[in-house]
């Protein structure tokens, strides 16, 4: 893939991830107005990140690596996978132990994963070394 296309997709991916996380924070605020509004807002945030996840899987299939910063990318992928499992279980209501504490853990992991993703983005495009 051409570098301009990768940069454009990465920019779009980062933008959507940040927007989705802000949507999730807003959905958490909506819980005071009703659980249905909270669930719709959180689900919308999850659906917003689907294109970004597809791009990340595509990047992995193309062999995207940051060998010299491997631990950052490895932790980002590991935590991201855990967050995806939480998200799938929460959105599909398939986890009978779906409690606030579990959602708080998932939100915290999503935030850490997002921060690590921003670091991966900055490293991969030479903003930090």
N, C-alpha and C. Protein backbone atom coordinates (compact mmCIF):
# COMPACT_ATOMS: atom_id res chain seq x y z
N UNK A 1 0.83 -1.18 0.00
CA UNK A 1 0.00 0.00 0.00
C UNK A 1 0.88 1.25 0.00
N UNK A 2 0.45 2.24 -0.68
CA UNK A 2 1.19 3.48 -0.78
C UNK A 2 1.16 4.25 0.54
N UNK A 3 2.26 4.93 0.86
CA UNK A 3 2.38 5.63 2.14
C UNK A 3 1.28 6.68 2.34
N UNK A 4 0.90 7.40 1.27
CA UNK A 4 -0.17 8.40 1.39
C UNK A 4 -1.49 7.76 1.79
N UNK A 5 -1.78 6.60 1.23
CA UNK A 5 -3.03 5.91 1.56
C UNK A 5 -2.99 5.43 3.01
N UNK A 6 -1.84 4.89 3.41
CA UNK A 6 -1.70 4.43 4.79
C UNK A 6 -1.85 5.60 5.76
N UNK A 7 -1.22 6.71 5.44
CA UNK A 7 -1.31 7.90 6.31
C UNK A 7 -2.75 8.38 6.38
N UNK A 8 -3.44 8.43 5.25
CA UNK A 8 -4.83 8.88 5.23
C UNK A 8 -5.72 7.95 6.05
N UNK A 9 -5.56 6.64 5.87
CA UNK A 9 -6.35 5.68 6.63
C UNK A 9 -6.01 5.75 8.12
N UNK A 10 -4.74 5.95 8.43
CA UNK A 10 -4.34 6.08 9.83
C UNK A 10 -4.93 7.34 10.46
N UNK A 11 -4.91 8.44 9.72
CA UNK A 11 -5.51 9.69 10.22
C UNK A 11 -7.00 9.50 10.48
N UNK A 12 -7.69 8.89 9.53
CA UNK A 12 -9.12 8.63 9.67
C UNK A 12 -9.38 7.71 10.86
N UNK A 13 -8.56 6.67 10.98
CA UNK A 13 -8.70 5.73 12.08
C UNK A 13 -8.53 6.41 13.43
N UNK A 14 -7.50 7.21 13.55
CA UNK A 14 -7.26 7.92 14.81
C UNK A 14 -8.42 8.88 15.12
N UNK A 15 -8.87 9.60 14.11
CA UNK A 15 -9.99 10.53 14.29
C UNK A 15 -11.23 9.79 14.79
N UNK A 16 -11.56 8.68 14.14
CA UNK A 16 -12.75 7.92 14.52
C UNK A 16 -12.60 7.33 15.93
N UNK A 17 -11.39 6.88 16.27
CA UNK A 17 -11.18 6.32 17.61
C UNK A 17 -11.39 7.38 18.70
N UNK A 18 -10.86 8.57 18.47
CA UNK A 18 -11.03 9.65 19.46
C UNK A 18 -12.50 10.05 19.55
N UNK A 19 -13.15 10.19 18.41
CA UNK A 19 -14.58 10.54 18.41
C UNK A 19 -15.39 9.46 19.13
N UNK A 20 -15.10 8.20 18.84
CA UNK A 20 -15.82 7.10 19.48
C UNK A 20 -15.62 7.11 21.00
N UNK A 21 -14.40 7.38 21.44
CA UNK A 21 -14.17 7.42 22.88
C UNK A 21 -14.94 8.58 23.52
N UNK A 22 -14.95 9.73 22.86
CA UNK A 22 -15.72 10.86 23.38
C UNK A 22 -17.22 10.52 23.41
N UNK A 23 -17.68 9.78 22.41
CA UNK A 23 -19.07 9.33 22.40
C UNK A 23 -19.35 8.40 23.58
N UNK A 24 -18.38 7.55 23.89
CA UNK A 24 -18.53 6.65 25.03
C UNK A 24 -18.61 7.43 26.34
N UNK A 25 -17.76 8.43 26.48
CA UNK A 25 -17.79 9.27 27.68
C UNK A 25 -19.16 9.95 27.80
N UNK A 26 -19.68 10.43 26.67
CA UNK A 26 -21.01 11.04 26.68
C UNK A 26 -22.08 10.00 27.03
N UNK A 27 -21.93 8.80 26.51
CA UNK A 27 -22.89 7.73 26.83
C UNK A 27 -22.88 7.40 28.32
N UNK A 28 -21.72 7.49 28.93
CA UNK A 28 -21.63 7.26 30.37
C UNK A 28 -22.43 8.34 31.11
N UNK A 29 -22.32 9.57 30.63
CA UNK A 29 -23.09 10.67 31.22
C UNK A 29 -24.59 10.44 31.02
N UNK A 30 -24.96 9.86 29.88
CA UNK A 30 -26.38 9.62 29.58
C UNK A 30 -27.02 8.60 30.53
N UNK A 31 -26.21 7.84 31.24
CA UNK A 31 -26.77 6.83 32.14
C UNK A 31 -27.70 7.46 33.17
N UNK A 32 -27.42 8.71 33.54
CA UNK A 32 -28.29 9.38 34.51
C UNK A 32 -29.67 9.68 33.92
N UNK A 33 -29.76 9.75 32.60
CA UNK A 33 -31.03 10.02 31.94
C UNK A 33 -31.82 8.75 31.64
N UNK A 34 -31.16 7.64 31.65
CA UNK A 34 -31.84 6.38 31.40
C UNK A 34 -30.90 5.36 30.78
N UNK A 35 -31.12 4.13 31.12
CA UNK A 35 -30.24 3.06 30.66
C UNK A 35 -30.36 2.84 29.15
N UNK A 36 -31.54 3.09 28.58
CA UNK A 36 -31.71 2.92 27.13
C UNK A 36 -30.87 3.93 26.35
N UNK A 37 -30.87 5.18 26.80
CA UNK A 37 -30.06 6.20 26.14
C UNK A 37 -28.57 5.86 26.28
N UNK A 38 -28.19 5.40 27.46
CA UNK A 38 -26.81 5.00 27.71
C UNK A 38 -26.41 3.86 26.77
N UNK A 39 -27.26 2.86 26.65
CA UNK A 39 -26.95 1.70 25.81
C UNK A 39 -26.85 2.09 24.34
N UNK A 40 -27.77 2.94 23.87
CA UNK A 40 -27.71 3.39 22.48
C UNK A 40 -26.45 4.20 22.21
N UNK A 41 -26.10 5.10 23.12
CA UNK A 41 -24.91 5.92 22.95
C UNK A 41 -23.64 5.08 22.94
N UNK A 42 -23.55 4.13 23.86
CA UNK A 42 -22.37 3.26 23.92
C UNK A 42 -22.29 2.38 22.67
N UNK A 43 -23.42 1.87 22.23
CA UNK A 43 -23.43 1.04 21.02
C UNK A 43 -23.01 1.84 19.79
N UNK A 44 -23.47 3.07 19.70
CA UNK A 44 -23.08 3.93 18.59
C UNK A 44 -21.56 4.17 18.60
N UNK A 45 -21.00 4.36 19.78
CA UNK A 45 -19.54 4.53 19.90
C UNK A 45 -18.82 3.29 19.39
N UNK A 46 -19.34 2.14 19.75
CA UNK A 46 -18.73 0.87 19.31
C UNK A 46 -18.83 0.73 17.79
N UNK A 47 -19.98 1.04 17.22
CA UNK A 47 -20.13 0.91 15.77
C UNK A 47 -19.26 1.90 15.02
N UNK A 48 -18.92 3.02 15.67
CA UNK A 48 -18.05 4.01 15.05
C UNK A 48 -16.63 3.48 14.87
N UNK A 49 -16.21 2.58 15.75
CA UNK A 49 -14.83 2.09 15.65
C UNK A 49 -14.67 0.88 14.72
N UNK A 50 -15.74 0.33 14.23
CA UNK A 50 -15.64 -0.86 13.36
C UNK A 50 -14.72 -0.62 12.16
N UNK A 51 -14.86 0.49 11.42
CA UNK A 51 -13.92 0.70 10.30
C UNK A 51 -12.46 0.76 10.75
N UNK A 52 -12.23 1.32 11.93
CA UNK A 52 -10.85 1.41 12.41
C UNK A 52 -10.28 0.05 12.75
N UNK A 53 -11.11 -0.81 13.29
CA UNK A 53 -10.67 -2.17 13.61
C UNK A 53 -10.35 -2.92 12.33
N UNK A 54 -11.18 -2.75 11.31
CA UNK A 54 -10.91 -3.40 10.03
C UNK A 54 -9.59 -2.91 9.44
N UNK A 55 -9.32 -1.60 9.55
CA UNK A 55 -8.04 -1.08 9.06
C UNK A 55 -6.87 -1.67 9.85
N UNK A 56 -7.04 -1.80 11.16
CA UNK A 56 -5.95 -2.36 11.97
C UNK A 56 -5.69 -3.82 11.61
N UNK A 57 -6.75 -4.59 11.38
CA UNK A 57 -6.56 -5.98 10.95
C UNK A 57 -5.87 -6.03 9.59
N UNK A 58 -6.23 -5.11 8.72
CA UNK A 58 -5.58 -5.04 7.41
C UNK A 58 -4.10 -4.71 7.58
N UNK A 59 -3.78 -3.76 8.46
CA UNK A 59 -2.38 -3.40 8.71
C UNK A 59 -1.60 -4.60 9.23
N UNK A 60 -2.21 -5.35 10.12
CA UNK A 60 -1.55 -6.54 10.65
C UNK A 60 -1.31 -7.55 9.53
N UNK A 61 -2.30 -7.74 8.66
CA UNK A 61 -2.16 -8.70 7.56
C UNK A 61 -1.07 -8.27 6.58
N UNK A 62 -0.81 -6.97 6.51
CA UNK A 62 0.25 -6.46 5.63
C UNK A 62 1.61 -6.47 6.32
N UNK A 63 1.65 -6.95 7.56
CA UNK A 63 2.91 -7.08 8.27
C UNK A 63 3.35 -5.83 9.00
N UNK A 64 2.42 -4.96 9.37
CA UNK A 64 2.80 -3.73 10.07
C UNK A 64 3.45 -4.09 11.39
N UNK A 65 4.67 -3.61 11.59
CA UNK A 65 5.42 -3.85 12.82
C UNK A 65 6.19 -2.60 13.19
N UNK A 66 6.45 -2.44 14.43
CA UNK A 66 7.35 -1.41 14.93
C UNK A 66 8.39 -2.14 15.78
N UNK A 67 9.34 -2.78 15.11
CA UNK A 67 10.27 -3.67 15.79
C UNK A 67 10.99 -2.99 16.96
N UNK A 68 11.44 -1.77 16.77
CA UNK A 68 12.19 -1.11 17.83
C UNK A 68 11.30 -0.64 18.98
N UNK A 69 9.99 -0.60 18.76
CA UNK A 69 9.04 -0.21 19.81
C UNK A 69 8.03 -1.32 20.03
N UNK A 70 8.48 -2.55 19.87
CA UNK A 70 7.58 -3.70 19.88
C UNK A 70 6.69 -3.82 21.09
N UNK A 71 7.17 -3.44 22.27
CA UNK A 71 6.36 -3.60 23.47
C UNK A 71 5.13 -2.70 23.44
N UNK A 72 5.28 -1.49 22.90
CA UNK A 72 4.14 -0.56 22.81
C UNK A 72 3.08 -1.15 21.89
N UNK A 73 3.50 -1.60 20.72
CA UNK A 73 2.56 -2.17 19.76
C UNK A 73 1.96 -3.47 20.28
N UNK A 74 2.79 -4.29 20.92
CA UNK A 74 2.30 -5.56 21.47
C UNK A 74 1.25 -5.31 22.55
N UNK A 75 1.53 -4.39 23.49
CA UNK A 75 0.56 -4.08 24.54
C UNK A 75 -0.70 -3.45 23.97
N UNK A 76 -0.55 -2.60 22.96
CA UNK A 76 -1.71 -1.99 22.31
C UNK A 76 -2.61 -3.07 21.71
N UNK A 77 -2.00 -4.02 21.04
CA UNK A 77 -2.79 -5.10 20.42
C UNK A 77 -3.42 -6.00 21.47
N UNK A 78 -2.68 -6.33 22.53
CA UNK A 78 -3.21 -7.20 23.58
C UNK A 78 -4.38 -6.53 24.29
N UNK A 79 -4.18 -5.29 24.74
CA UNK A 79 -5.27 -4.58 25.43
C UNK A 79 -6.45 -4.32 24.49
N UNK A 80 -6.14 -4.00 23.24
CA UNK A 80 -7.22 -3.81 22.27
C UNK A 80 -8.05 -5.07 22.08
N UNK A 81 -7.41 -6.21 22.07
CA UNK A 81 -8.14 -7.49 21.94
C UNK A 81 -9.03 -7.73 23.15
N UNK A 82 -8.53 -7.41 24.33
CA UNK A 82 -9.33 -7.56 25.54
C UNK A 82 -10.54 -6.62 25.49
N UNK A 83 -10.30 -5.38 25.07
CA UNK A 83 -11.39 -4.41 24.96
C UNK A 83 -12.43 -4.90 23.95
N UNK A 84 -11.98 -5.44 22.83
CA UNK A 84 -12.92 -5.95 21.83
C UNK A 84 -13.79 -7.07 22.39
N UNK A 85 -13.20 -7.94 23.18
CA UNK A 85 -13.98 -9.03 23.80
C UNK A 85 -15.03 -8.44 24.74
N UNK A 86 -14.61 -7.49 25.59
CA UNK A 86 -15.57 -6.81 26.47
C UNK A 86 -16.69 -6.17 25.66
N UNK A 87 -16.32 -5.44 24.61
CA UNK A 87 -17.31 -4.74 23.79
C UNK A 87 -18.31 -5.70 23.18
N UNK A 88 -17.83 -6.78 22.62
CA UNK A 88 -18.73 -7.76 22.00
C UNK A 88 -19.69 -8.32 23.04
N UNK A 89 -19.16 -8.66 24.21
CA UNK A 89 -20.01 -9.20 25.27
C UNK A 89 -21.04 -8.17 25.76
N UNK A 90 -20.63 -6.92 25.89
CA UNK A 90 -21.54 -5.89 26.40
C UNK A 90 -22.61 -5.53 25.38
N UNK A 91 -22.20 -5.29 24.14
CA UNK A 91 -23.15 -4.83 23.12
C UNK A 91 -24.17 -5.92 22.79
N UNK A 92 -23.72 -7.15 22.79
CA UNK A 92 -24.64 -8.25 22.47
C UNK A 92 -25.38 -8.78 23.70
N UNK A 93 -25.09 -8.20 24.86
CA UNK A 93 -25.70 -8.64 26.13
C UNK A 93 -25.51 -10.13 26.36
N UNK A 94 -24.32 -10.63 26.09
CA UNK A 94 -24.03 -12.06 26.24
C UNK A 94 -23.27 -12.38 27.52
N UNK A 95 -23.07 -11.39 28.37
CA UNK A 95 -22.32 -11.64 29.59
C UNK A 95 -23.24 -11.41 30.77
N UNK A 96 -23.53 -12.45 31.49
CA UNK A 96 -24.49 -12.32 32.58
C UNK A 96 -23.93 -11.56 33.77
N UNK A 97 -22.60 -11.36 33.81
CA UNK A 97 -21.97 -10.61 34.89
C UNK A 97 -21.74 -9.15 34.49
N UNK A 98 -22.53 -8.65 33.58
CA UNK A 98 -22.39 -7.27 33.09
C UNK A 98 -22.79 -6.31 34.21
N UNK A 99 -21.77 -5.79 34.87
CA UNK A 99 -21.97 -4.88 35.98
C UNK A 99 -21.16 -3.61 35.74
N UNK A 100 -21.43 -2.58 36.54
CA UNK A 100 -20.75 -1.31 36.38
C UNK A 100 -19.24 -1.48 36.51
N UNK A 101 -18.80 -2.28 37.45
CA UNK A 101 -17.36 -2.46 37.65
C UNK A 101 -16.70 -3.02 36.38
N UNK A 102 -17.37 -3.94 35.70
CA UNK A 102 -16.82 -4.51 34.46
C UNK A 102 -16.79 -3.47 33.35
N UNK A 103 -17.83 -2.64 33.30
CA UNK A 103 -17.87 -1.58 32.30
C UNK A 103 -16.79 -0.53 32.59
N UNK A 104 -16.56 -0.25 33.88
CA UNK A 104 -15.49 0.69 34.24
C UNK A 104 -14.12 0.14 33.83
N UNK A 105 -13.92 -1.15 34.03
CA UNK A 105 -12.66 -1.78 33.62
C UNK A 105 -12.50 -1.68 32.10
N UNK A 106 -13.56 -1.99 31.37
CA UNK A 106 -13.50 -1.91 29.90
C UNK A 106 -13.23 -0.49 29.44
N UNK A 107 -13.87 0.49 30.08
CA UNK A 107 -13.64 1.89 29.70
C UNK A 107 -12.20 2.30 29.99
N UNK A 108 -11.68 1.90 31.13
CA UNK A 108 -10.29 2.19 31.47
C UNK A 108 -9.32 1.55 30.49
N UNK A 109 -9.59 0.28 30.16
CA UNK A 109 -8.74 -0.41 29.19
C UNK A 109 -8.82 0.25 27.82
N UNK A 110 -10.02 0.68 27.43
CA UNK A 110 -10.19 1.37 26.15
C UNK A 110 -9.36 2.66 26.14
N UNK A 111 -9.39 3.39 27.26
CA UNK A 111 -8.63 4.63 27.33
C UNK A 111 -7.12 4.36 27.22
N UNK A 112 -6.63 3.36 27.94
CA UNK A 112 -5.21 3.01 27.87
C UNK A 112 -4.84 2.57 26.46
N UNK A 113 -5.70 1.75 25.85
CA UNK A 113 -5.47 1.29 24.48
C UNK A 113 -5.45 2.46 23.51
N UNK A 114 -6.36 3.40 23.68
CA UNK A 114 -6.40 4.59 22.83
C UNK A 114 -5.11 5.40 22.97
N UNK A 115 -4.66 5.59 24.20
CA UNK A 115 -3.42 6.34 24.42
C UNK A 115 -2.24 5.61 23.77
N UNK A 116 -2.19 4.30 23.93
CA UNK A 116 -1.11 3.53 23.30
C UNK A 116 -1.23 3.58 21.77
N UNK A 117 -2.44 3.60 21.26
CA UNK A 117 -2.64 3.72 19.82
C UNK A 117 -2.14 5.06 19.30
N UNK A 118 -2.36 6.10 20.08
CA UNK A 118 -1.85 7.43 19.69
C UNK A 118 -0.32 7.40 19.67
N UNK A 119 0.27 6.72 20.66
CA UNK A 119 1.73 6.59 20.69
C UNK A 119 2.22 5.82 19.47
N UNK A 120 1.55 4.73 19.12
CA UNK A 120 1.91 3.95 17.93
C UNK A 120 1.81 4.83 16.69
N UNK A 121 0.75 5.61 16.60
CA UNK A 121 0.57 6.52 15.46
C UNK A 121 1.72 7.51 15.39
N UNK A 122 2.05 8.13 16.52
CA UNK A 122 3.12 9.13 16.53
C UNK A 122 4.47 8.53 16.19
N UNK A 123 4.72 7.31 16.65
CA UNK A 123 5.99 6.63 16.32
C UNK A 123 6.03 6.26 14.86
N UNK A 124 4.95 5.69 14.35
CA UNK A 124 4.96 5.18 12.98
C UNK A 124 5.07 6.28 11.94
N UNK A 125 4.68 7.49 12.26
CA UNK A 125 4.79 8.59 11.29
C UNK A 125 5.89 9.57 11.65
N UNK A 126 6.76 9.17 12.58
CA UNK A 126 7.96 9.93 12.87
C UNK A 126 7.78 11.18 13.71
N UNK A 127 6.64 11.31 14.39
CA UNK A 127 6.44 12.48 15.24
C UNK A 127 7.24 12.36 16.53
N UNK A 128 7.44 11.11 16.99
CA UNK A 128 8.33 10.85 18.12
C UNK A 128 9.23 9.68 17.74
N UNK A 129 10.38 9.64 18.36
CA UNK A 129 11.34 8.57 18.04
C UNK A 129 11.53 7.63 19.20
